[in-house]
N, C-alpha and C. Protein backbone atom coordinates (compact mmCIF):
# COMPACT_ATOMS: atom_id res chain seq x y z
N MET A 1 11.78 2.72 -14.08
CA MET A 1 10.69 3.59 -13.64
C MET A 1 9.38 3.04 -14.21
N SER A 2 8.40 2.84 -13.39
CA SER A 2 7.13 2.34 -13.89
C SER A 2 6.19 3.49 -14.21
N TYR A 3 5.38 3.27 -15.16
CA TYR A 3 4.43 4.27 -15.61
C TYR A 3 3.07 3.98 -15.00
N VAL A 4 2.53 4.93 -14.27
CA VAL A 4 1.22 4.78 -13.66
C VAL A 4 0.22 5.53 -14.53
N GLN A 5 -0.71 4.79 -15.05
CA GLN A 5 -1.71 5.39 -15.92
C GLN A 5 -2.77 6.12 -15.11
N THR A 6 -3.18 7.26 -15.59
CA THR A 6 -4.22 8.04 -14.92
C THR A 6 -5.46 8.07 -15.79
N PRO A 7 -6.62 8.42 -15.22
CA PRO A 7 -7.85 8.46 -16.01
C PRO A 7 -7.79 9.39 -17.22
N THR A 8 -6.88 10.34 -17.24
CA THR A 8 -6.77 11.23 -18.39
C THR A 8 -5.99 10.61 -19.55
N ASP A 9 -5.33 9.47 -19.33
CA ASP A 9 -4.56 8.80 -20.37
C ASP A 9 -5.43 8.00 -21.33
N PHE A 10 -6.68 7.82 -21.01
CA PHE A 10 -7.60 7.06 -21.84
C PHE A 10 -8.90 7.86 -21.89
N PRO A 11 -9.57 7.87 -23.01
CA PRO A 11 -10.79 8.69 -23.11
C PRO A 11 -12.00 8.06 -22.41
N TYR A 12 -11.95 8.01 -21.07
CA TYR A 12 -13.06 7.46 -20.31
C TYR A 12 -14.27 8.37 -20.42
N PRO A 13 -15.47 7.81 -20.45
CA PRO A 13 -16.69 8.63 -20.46
C PRO A 13 -16.78 9.46 -19.18
N TRP A 14 -17.53 10.54 -19.23
CA TRP A 14 -17.65 11.47 -18.10
C TRP A 14 -18.10 10.78 -16.81
N TYR A 15 -19.02 9.82 -16.93
CA TYR A 15 -19.55 9.19 -15.72
C TYR A 15 -18.50 8.31 -15.04
N LEU A 16 -17.56 7.79 -15.80
CA LEU A 16 -16.48 7.01 -15.20
C LEU A 16 -15.44 7.94 -14.58
N ARG A 17 -15.20 9.08 -15.21
CA ARG A 17 -14.28 10.06 -14.61
C ARG A 17 -14.85 10.55 -13.28
N LEU A 18 -16.17 10.69 -13.20
CA LEU A 18 -16.81 11.06 -11.94
C LEU A 18 -16.59 9.97 -10.89
N MET A 19 -16.69 8.71 -11.29
CA MET A 19 -16.45 7.60 -10.37
C MET A 19 -15.01 7.63 -9.87
N PHE A 20 -14.06 7.93 -10.75
CA PHE A 20 -12.66 8.02 -10.32
C PHE A 20 -12.49 9.10 -9.26
N ARG A 21 -13.16 10.24 -9.47
CA ARG A 21 -13.06 11.33 -8.49
C ARG A 21 -13.61 10.88 -7.13
N LEU A 22 -14.72 10.15 -7.14
CA LEU A 22 -15.30 9.64 -5.90
C LEU A 22 -14.35 8.64 -5.23
N GLN A 23 -13.69 7.81 -6.04
CA GLN A 23 -12.73 6.85 -5.47
C GLN A 23 -11.54 7.57 -4.86
N ARG A 24 -11.06 8.63 -5.51
CA ARG A 24 -9.93 9.38 -4.95
C ARG A 24 -10.32 9.97 -3.60
N ARG A 25 -11.55 10.44 -3.51
CA ARG A 25 -12.02 11.01 -2.24
C ARG A 25 -12.14 9.92 -1.17
N ARG A 26 -12.65 8.75 -1.53
CA ARG A 26 -12.88 7.69 -0.54
C ARG A 26 -11.62 6.90 -0.20
N TYR A 27 -10.82 6.56 -1.24
CA TYR A 27 -9.67 5.68 -1.04
C TYR A 27 -8.32 6.38 -1.18
N GLY A 28 -8.33 7.63 -1.59
CA GLY A 28 -7.07 8.35 -1.79
C GLY A 28 -6.49 8.19 -3.18
N ARG A 29 -7.07 7.32 -3.99
CA ARG A 29 -6.62 7.11 -5.37
C ARG A 29 -7.69 6.31 -6.12
N GLU A 30 -7.52 6.24 -7.44
CA GLU A 30 -8.42 5.39 -8.22
C GLU A 30 -8.00 3.94 -8.02
N LEU A 31 -8.96 3.05 -8.01
CA LEU A 31 -8.66 1.64 -7.88
C LEU A 31 -8.28 1.09 -9.26
N GLU A 32 -7.10 0.47 -9.34
CA GLU A 32 -6.59 0.01 -10.63
C GLU A 32 -7.53 -0.95 -11.35
N PRO A 33 -8.13 -1.94 -10.67
CA PRO A 33 -9.05 -2.83 -11.40
C PRO A 33 -10.22 -2.06 -12.04
N VAL A 34 -10.67 -1.02 -11.37
CA VAL A 34 -11.77 -0.22 -11.93
C VAL A 34 -11.28 0.52 -13.18
N ARG A 35 -10.08 1.08 -13.11
CA ARG A 35 -9.53 1.75 -14.30
C ARG A 35 -9.42 0.79 -15.48
N LEU A 36 -9.02 -0.44 -15.20
CA LEU A 36 -8.86 -1.41 -16.28
C LEU A 36 -10.22 -1.82 -16.86
N TRP A 37 -11.16 -2.19 -15.98
CA TRP A 37 -12.49 -2.59 -16.47
C TRP A 37 -13.20 -1.43 -17.16
N ALA A 38 -12.93 -0.22 -16.72
CA ALA A 38 -13.59 0.95 -17.30
C ALA A 38 -13.17 1.21 -18.74
N ARG A 39 -12.13 0.55 -19.20
CA ARG A 39 -11.74 0.69 -20.61
C ARG A 39 -12.78 0.05 -21.53
N MET A 40 -13.65 -0.77 -20.95
CA MET A 40 -14.79 -1.35 -21.68
C MET A 40 -16.05 -0.89 -20.95
N PRO A 41 -16.48 0.36 -21.20
CA PRO A 41 -17.56 0.94 -20.41
C PRO A 41 -18.85 0.10 -20.36
N ALA A 42 -19.24 -0.50 -21.45
CA ALA A 42 -20.49 -1.29 -21.45
C ALA A 42 -20.35 -2.51 -20.53
N VAL A 43 -19.20 -3.18 -20.59
CA VAL A 43 -18.96 -4.34 -19.73
C VAL A 43 -18.88 -3.89 -18.27
N PHE A 44 -18.19 -2.80 -18.04
CA PHE A 44 -18.06 -2.28 -16.68
C PHE A 44 -19.43 -1.93 -16.10
N LEU A 45 -20.27 -1.28 -16.88
CA LEU A 45 -21.60 -0.92 -16.39
C LEU A 45 -22.45 -2.17 -16.13
N ALA A 46 -22.33 -3.17 -16.98
CA ALA A 46 -23.08 -4.41 -16.78
C ALA A 46 -22.61 -5.12 -15.51
N MET A 47 -21.30 -5.17 -15.30
CA MET A 47 -20.77 -5.79 -14.08
C MET A 47 -21.21 -5.01 -12.84
N SER A 48 -21.20 -3.70 -12.94
CA SER A 48 -21.63 -2.87 -11.81
C SER A 48 -23.11 -3.10 -11.51
N ALA A 49 -23.91 -3.21 -12.56
CA ALA A 49 -25.34 -3.46 -12.36
C ALA A 49 -25.56 -4.83 -11.71
N MET A 50 -24.79 -5.81 -12.13
CA MET A 50 -24.93 -7.13 -11.53
C MET A 50 -24.55 -7.08 -10.05
N TYR A 51 -23.46 -6.39 -9.73
CA TYR A 51 -23.05 -6.30 -8.33
C TYR A 51 -24.13 -5.60 -7.50
N ARG A 52 -24.68 -4.52 -8.04
CA ARG A 52 -25.76 -3.81 -7.31
C ARG A 52 -26.96 -4.72 -7.09
N ALA A 53 -27.28 -5.56 -8.07
CA ALA A 53 -28.39 -6.49 -7.92
C ALA A 53 -28.10 -7.52 -6.84
N LEU A 54 -26.87 -7.99 -6.77
CA LEU A 54 -26.49 -8.98 -5.75
C LEU A 54 -26.37 -8.34 -4.37
N ASP A 55 -26.04 -7.07 -4.32
CA ASP A 55 -25.77 -6.39 -3.07
C ASP A 55 -26.94 -5.49 -2.63
N ARG A 56 -28.12 -5.80 -3.09
CA ARG A 56 -29.28 -4.95 -2.79
C ARG A 56 -29.75 -5.16 -1.35
N LYS A 57 -30.45 -4.17 -0.83
CA LYS A 57 -30.95 -4.24 0.55
C LYS A 57 -31.94 -5.38 0.74
N SER A 58 -32.68 -5.74 -0.28
CA SER A 58 -33.70 -6.78 -0.14
C SER A 58 -33.15 -8.19 -0.34
N SER A 59 -31.83 -8.32 -0.45
CA SER A 59 -31.22 -9.64 -0.61
C SER A 59 -31.58 -10.54 0.56
N ARG A 60 -31.72 -11.81 0.29
CA ARG A 60 -32.00 -12.79 1.35
C ARG A 60 -30.74 -13.19 2.10
N ILE A 61 -29.61 -12.69 1.64
CA ILE A 61 -28.33 -12.95 2.29
C ILE A 61 -27.91 -11.65 2.99
N GLU A 62 -27.71 -11.71 4.28
CA GLU A 62 -27.37 -10.51 5.04
C GLU A 62 -26.02 -9.94 4.58
N PRO A 63 -25.85 -8.61 4.67
CA PRO A 63 -24.65 -7.95 4.15
C PRO A 63 -23.34 -8.51 4.69
N GLY A 64 -23.26 -8.78 5.99
CA GLY A 64 -22.02 -9.32 6.56
C GLY A 64 -21.66 -10.66 5.97
N LEU A 65 -22.64 -11.51 5.79
CA LEU A 65 -22.38 -12.83 5.19
C LEU A 65 -21.98 -12.70 3.73
N ARG A 66 -22.59 -11.78 3.01
CA ARG A 66 -22.18 -11.54 1.61
C ARG A 66 -20.69 -11.16 1.58
N SER A 67 -20.28 -10.30 2.50
CA SER A 67 -18.87 -9.90 2.54
C SER A 67 -17.97 -11.08 2.88
N LEU A 68 -18.36 -11.89 3.85
CA LEU A 68 -17.55 -13.06 4.20
C LEU A 68 -17.39 -14.00 3.01
N ILE A 69 -18.46 -14.20 2.27
CA ILE A 69 -18.39 -15.06 1.09
C ILE A 69 -17.43 -14.47 0.06
N GLN A 70 -17.53 -13.17 -0.18
CA GLN A 70 -16.66 -12.53 -1.15
C GLN A 70 -15.19 -12.60 -0.72
N VAL A 71 -14.93 -12.41 0.57
CA VAL A 71 -13.55 -12.51 1.05
C VAL A 71 -13.05 -13.93 0.88
N ARG A 72 -13.85 -14.92 1.26
CA ARG A 72 -13.39 -16.32 1.17
C ARG A 72 -13.13 -16.73 -0.27
N VAL A 73 -14.00 -16.36 -1.18
CA VAL A 73 -13.77 -16.69 -2.59
C VAL A 73 -12.50 -15.98 -3.09
N SER A 74 -12.29 -14.75 -2.66
CA SER A 74 -11.09 -14.01 -3.04
C SER A 74 -9.83 -14.68 -2.49
N GLN A 75 -9.92 -15.19 -1.25
CA GLN A 75 -8.78 -15.92 -0.68
C GLN A 75 -8.47 -17.16 -1.49
N ILE A 76 -9.49 -17.92 -1.83
CA ILE A 76 -9.30 -19.15 -2.60
C ILE A 76 -8.68 -18.84 -3.96
N ASN A 77 -9.13 -17.75 -4.58
CA ASN A 77 -8.63 -17.38 -5.90
C ASN A 77 -7.31 -16.63 -5.86
N GLY A 78 -6.82 -16.31 -4.67
CA GLY A 78 -5.53 -15.64 -4.54
C GLY A 78 -5.52 -14.20 -5.00
N CYS A 79 -6.62 -13.50 -4.86
CA CYS A 79 -6.69 -12.09 -5.27
C CYS A 79 -6.55 -11.20 -4.03
N ASP A 80 -5.32 -10.78 -3.75
CA ASP A 80 -5.06 -9.96 -2.56
C ASP A 80 -5.85 -8.65 -2.59
N PHE A 81 -5.94 -8.02 -3.75
CA PHE A 81 -6.72 -6.78 -3.86
C PHE A 81 -8.17 -7.03 -3.45
N CYS A 82 -8.75 -8.11 -3.96
CA CYS A 82 -10.14 -8.44 -3.65
C CYS A 82 -10.33 -8.77 -2.18
N VAL A 83 -9.38 -9.48 -1.59
CA VAL A 83 -9.44 -9.79 -0.16
C VAL A 83 -9.45 -8.49 0.63
N ASP A 84 -8.54 -7.58 0.30
CA ASP A 84 -8.45 -6.31 1.03
C ASP A 84 -9.72 -5.49 0.87
N LEU A 85 -10.19 -5.33 -0.35
CA LEU A 85 -11.37 -4.51 -0.59
C LEU A 85 -12.60 -5.11 0.07
N ASN A 86 -12.82 -6.41 -0.09
CA ASN A 86 -14.00 -7.04 0.49
C ASN A 86 -13.92 -7.10 2.02
N SER A 87 -12.72 -7.22 2.57
CA SER A 87 -12.56 -7.16 4.02
C SER A 87 -12.91 -5.76 4.53
N PHE A 88 -12.43 -4.74 3.84
CA PHE A 88 -12.75 -3.35 4.20
C PHE A 88 -14.26 -3.13 4.17
N LEU A 89 -14.90 -3.60 3.12
CA LEU A 89 -16.36 -3.45 3.03
C LEU A 89 -17.05 -4.25 4.13
N GLY A 90 -16.55 -5.44 4.42
CA GLY A 90 -17.13 -6.27 5.48
C GLY A 90 -17.04 -5.59 6.84
N LEU A 91 -15.90 -4.97 7.14
CA LEU A 91 -15.77 -4.26 8.41
C LEU A 91 -16.82 -3.16 8.51
N GLY A 92 -17.08 -2.50 7.39
CA GLY A 92 -18.12 -1.47 7.36
C GLY A 92 -19.52 -2.02 7.53
N ARG A 93 -19.67 -3.30 7.30
CA ARG A 93 -20.97 -3.97 7.46
C ARG A 93 -21.09 -4.68 8.80
N GLY A 94 -20.13 -4.46 9.68
CA GLY A 94 -20.21 -5.04 11.01
C GLY A 94 -19.53 -6.38 11.19
N VAL A 95 -18.81 -6.86 10.19
CA VAL A 95 -18.05 -8.11 10.35
C VAL A 95 -16.87 -7.81 11.26
N VAL A 96 -16.70 -8.60 12.30
CA VAL A 96 -15.60 -8.36 13.24
C VAL A 96 -14.28 -8.89 12.67
N GLU A 97 -13.19 -8.22 13.05
CA GLU A 97 -11.87 -8.59 12.53
C GLU A 97 -11.51 -10.03 12.82
N ASP A 98 -11.91 -10.55 13.98
CA ASP A 98 -11.59 -11.94 14.31
C ASP A 98 -12.20 -12.91 13.30
N LYS A 99 -13.39 -12.60 12.80
CA LYS A 99 -14.01 -13.46 11.79
C LYS A 99 -13.19 -13.43 10.50
N LEU A 100 -12.75 -12.26 10.12
CA LEU A 100 -11.95 -12.15 8.90
C LEU A 100 -10.61 -12.88 9.05
N ARG A 101 -10.00 -12.78 10.21
CA ARG A 101 -8.72 -13.45 10.45
C ARG A 101 -8.85 -14.97 10.42
N THR A 102 -9.96 -15.49 10.96
CA THR A 102 -10.12 -16.95 11.07
C THR A 102 -10.96 -17.53 9.93
N LEU A 103 -11.26 -16.73 8.93
CA LEU A 103 -12.12 -17.18 7.84
C LEU A 103 -11.67 -18.49 7.18
N PRO A 104 -10.39 -18.70 6.91
CA PRO A 104 -10.00 -19.98 6.31
C PRO A 104 -10.30 -21.19 7.20
N LEU A 105 -10.49 -20.96 8.50
CA LEU A 105 -10.76 -22.04 9.45
C LEU A 105 -12.19 -21.96 9.98
N PHE A 106 -13.10 -21.39 9.19
CA PHE A 106 -14.46 -21.13 9.65
C PHE A 106 -15.17 -22.36 10.18
N GLU A 107 -14.94 -23.51 9.58
CA GLU A 107 -15.70 -24.71 9.93
C GLU A 107 -15.47 -25.12 11.39
N ASP A 108 -14.29 -24.85 11.91
CA ASP A 108 -13.95 -25.24 13.28
C ASP A 108 -14.07 -24.08 14.27
N SER A 109 -14.54 -22.93 13.83
CA SER A 109 -14.59 -21.75 14.69
C SER A 109 -15.99 -21.53 15.27
N THR A 110 -16.02 -21.13 16.53
CA THR A 110 -17.31 -20.79 17.16
C THR A 110 -17.78 -19.40 16.81
N LEU A 111 -16.96 -18.64 16.08
CA LEU A 111 -17.35 -17.30 15.67
C LEU A 111 -18.41 -17.31 14.57
N PHE A 112 -18.52 -18.44 13.87
CA PHE A 112 -19.41 -18.54 12.72
C PHE A 112 -20.66 -19.34 13.07
N SER A 113 -21.80 -18.84 12.65
CA SER A 113 -23.07 -19.54 12.86
C SER A 113 -23.18 -20.72 11.89
N GLU A 114 -24.15 -21.58 12.12
CA GLU A 114 -24.39 -22.69 11.19
C GLU A 114 -24.76 -22.15 9.81
N ARG A 115 -25.49 -21.04 9.77
CA ARG A 115 -25.84 -20.41 8.49
C ARG A 115 -24.58 -19.95 7.77
N ASP A 116 -23.68 -19.27 8.50
CA ASP A 116 -22.41 -18.84 7.91
C ASP A 116 -21.64 -20.03 7.36
N LYS A 117 -21.53 -21.07 8.18
CA LYS A 117 -20.74 -22.24 7.80
C LYS A 117 -21.31 -22.94 6.57
N ALA A 118 -22.62 -23.05 6.49
CA ALA A 118 -23.24 -23.68 5.32
C ALA A 118 -22.93 -22.88 4.06
N ALA A 119 -23.09 -21.55 4.14
CA ALA A 119 -22.84 -20.69 2.98
C ALA A 119 -21.37 -20.72 2.58
N LEU A 120 -20.48 -20.67 3.55
CA LEU A 120 -19.05 -20.67 3.25
C LEU A 120 -18.57 -22.02 2.72
N THR A 121 -19.15 -23.10 3.21
CA THR A 121 -18.83 -24.43 2.68
C THR A 121 -19.28 -24.52 1.22
N TYR A 122 -20.45 -23.99 0.93
CA TYR A 122 -20.95 -23.94 -0.44
C TYR A 122 -20.02 -23.10 -1.32
N ALA A 123 -19.59 -21.95 -0.80
CA ALA A 123 -18.68 -21.09 -1.56
C ALA A 123 -17.38 -21.82 -1.89
N GLU A 124 -16.85 -22.55 -0.91
CA GLU A 124 -15.62 -23.30 -1.17
C GLU A 124 -15.84 -24.41 -2.20
N ALA A 125 -16.92 -25.14 -2.05
CA ALA A 125 -17.19 -26.24 -2.98
C ALA A 125 -17.42 -25.74 -4.40
N ALA A 126 -18.07 -24.60 -4.53
CA ALA A 126 -18.35 -24.05 -5.86
C ALA A 126 -17.11 -23.39 -6.48
N THR A 127 -16.15 -22.99 -5.66
CA THR A 127 -14.98 -22.27 -6.15
C THR A 127 -13.79 -23.18 -6.41
N ARG A 128 -13.58 -24.14 -5.55
CA ARG A 128 -12.40 -25.01 -5.67
C ARG A 128 -12.68 -26.17 -6.62
N SER A 129 -11.73 -26.46 -7.48
CA SER A 129 -11.92 -27.53 -8.46
C SER A 129 -11.82 -28.92 -7.85
N ASP A 130 -11.24 -29.03 -6.65
CA ASP A 130 -11.10 -30.34 -6.02
C ASP A 130 -12.29 -30.71 -5.12
N LEU A 131 -13.29 -29.84 -5.05
CA LEU A 131 -14.48 -30.10 -4.24
C LEU A 131 -15.72 -30.13 -5.13
N ARG A 132 -16.78 -30.68 -4.61
CA ARG A 132 -18.04 -30.76 -5.35
C ARG A 132 -19.21 -30.36 -4.45
N VAL A 133 -20.24 -29.83 -5.07
CA VAL A 133 -21.49 -29.56 -4.38
C VAL A 133 -22.31 -30.84 -4.49
N ASP A 134 -22.45 -31.55 -3.38
CA ASP A 134 -23.15 -32.83 -3.40
C ASP A 134 -24.49 -32.72 -2.66
N ALA A 135 -25.21 -33.82 -2.61
CA ALA A 135 -26.54 -33.84 -1.99
C ALA A 135 -26.48 -33.47 -0.51
N ALA A 136 -25.45 -33.91 0.19
CA ALA A 136 -25.33 -33.59 1.62
C ALA A 136 -25.15 -32.09 1.83
N LEU A 137 -24.34 -31.47 0.99
CA LEU A 137 -24.15 -30.02 1.10
C LEU A 137 -25.44 -29.28 0.76
N MET A 138 -26.14 -29.73 -0.27
CA MET A 138 -27.41 -29.07 -0.63
C MET A 138 -28.43 -29.22 0.51
N SER A 139 -28.45 -30.35 1.17
CA SER A 139 -29.35 -30.56 2.30
C SER A 139 -28.98 -29.60 3.44
N ARG A 140 -27.69 -29.46 3.69
CA ARG A 140 -27.22 -28.53 4.72
C ARG A 140 -27.62 -27.10 4.38
N LEU A 141 -27.46 -26.74 3.13
CA LEU A 141 -27.85 -25.39 2.69
C LEU A 141 -29.35 -25.16 2.87
N ARG A 142 -30.14 -26.13 2.49
CA ARG A 142 -31.60 -25.98 2.56
C ARG A 142 -32.12 -25.87 4.00
N ARG A 143 -31.34 -26.33 4.96
CA ARG A 143 -31.74 -26.14 6.36
C ARG A 143 -31.56 -24.68 6.78
N GLN A 144 -30.74 -23.95 6.06
CA GLN A 144 -30.45 -22.56 6.43
C GLN A 144 -31.02 -21.53 5.45
N PHE A 145 -31.25 -21.93 4.20
CA PHE A 145 -31.63 -20.98 3.14
C PHE A 145 -32.77 -21.56 2.30
N ASP A 146 -33.63 -20.67 1.80
CA ASP A 146 -34.64 -21.13 0.85
C ASP A 146 -34.01 -21.17 -0.54
N ASP A 147 -34.77 -21.68 -1.52
CA ASP A 147 -34.22 -21.86 -2.87
C ASP A 147 -33.74 -20.54 -3.48
N GLN A 148 -34.50 -19.47 -3.28
CA GLN A 148 -34.11 -18.17 -3.84
C GLN A 148 -32.78 -17.71 -3.25
N ALA A 149 -32.61 -17.89 -1.96
CA ALA A 149 -31.35 -17.49 -1.32
C ALA A 149 -30.19 -18.33 -1.83
N ILE A 150 -30.43 -19.61 -2.11
CA ILE A 150 -29.35 -20.46 -2.65
C ILE A 150 -28.97 -19.99 -4.05
N VAL A 151 -29.94 -19.59 -4.83
CA VAL A 151 -29.63 -19.03 -6.16
C VAL A 151 -28.79 -17.74 -5.99
N GLU A 152 -29.17 -16.91 -5.04
CA GLU A 152 -28.41 -15.69 -4.79
C GLU A 152 -26.99 -16.00 -4.33
N LEU A 153 -26.85 -17.00 -3.48
CA LEU A 153 -25.51 -17.43 -3.06
C LEU A 153 -24.67 -17.86 -4.26
N ALA A 154 -25.26 -18.68 -5.13
CA ALA A 154 -24.54 -19.15 -6.32
C ALA A 154 -24.11 -17.98 -7.20
N ALA A 155 -24.99 -17.01 -7.38
CA ALA A 155 -24.66 -15.84 -8.21
C ALA A 155 -23.54 -15.01 -7.58
N LEU A 156 -23.62 -14.83 -6.27
CA LEU A 156 -22.58 -14.07 -5.57
C LEU A 156 -21.23 -14.76 -5.65
N ILE A 157 -21.22 -16.06 -5.47
CA ILE A 157 -19.99 -16.84 -5.55
C ILE A 157 -19.41 -16.76 -6.97
N ALA A 158 -20.26 -16.87 -7.96
CA ALA A 158 -19.80 -16.81 -9.35
C ALA A 158 -19.29 -15.42 -9.71
N TYR A 159 -19.89 -14.40 -9.13
CA TYR A 159 -19.48 -13.02 -9.42
C TYR A 159 -18.04 -12.81 -8.97
């Protein structure tokens, strides 16, 4: 028999217990990664603040593309939970299911724009240890993004 820990099993601060209640309403249960990270409230709040900064409305990277990048990085890293969550969020941002299904083959797909392909190629090169970000890739990125947007891409990929 496995033991499922609940928010009452650890003395979470009130604001995190409120977040758990919101997650139960939205997802039907608390998300386990959030319960684990919430055991270090200061780290959890800092990570949440960073995500909000990366996911702000004034970002130079459109919301759908941010979701595609997060899904692709999650696929590369083998995090099924992250793939599912980021795909769910992407669908809410207007990403079509066909794009999510063909994401590993984005370079050869007509569903992805040149902007999408440049960002996703950068995400793969920055995430995979067998690839490198070289001058040709940076040139490709600069045709689609300004320097600030490239910094934002790098931060999102690293997150």
